Amino acid sequence: MRVFVSSQAVTRPPAADLIHALRSAGAMVEHSPINPADGSDPRWTTWYADLADVIAKSDVFVVVIDDVWDSSTWMASEADAAKRYVARRAVWNPNGVSVTAVGMLTYLENELPHLLPEAVAEVVRNEPG
């Protein structure tokens, strides 16, 4: 199973926890580039040109909501590509962050359970849809 985790903070919880747990469950995980505030990532040089191709290779696309997710055009670009190319999409919002940006509400579908083990189990299940 190939999973794409979309987060502007892939090196920090909760996204880092989800990535680690999915890999431990046997999923092949790709994720958003590392936020420049957190470190360097060579994918940034071509990310906006490459993101559709990378995301399209995923079986499941998971958005991880945090305090700044709904103000990020980067996150919107990834979620928009997923709407076009990935049938199974989900949202993980373990901290119950309110999303207030109207333009981002369209990407909120199929919310995963808040607890990490339950969220991972839902992502790696084999049924489509």
Foldseek 3Di string as FASTA:
>chain_A
DEEEEEDQACPDPPNVVLVVVLVVVPYHYHYDAHNVVVHDDVCVVCCLVCLLVVLLVGQEYEYEDDQCLLVDPSSVSNLVSCVVRYQHYEYAYLPPHDRDNPVCVVSHDHYFDNDSVRRSCVRPDDDTD
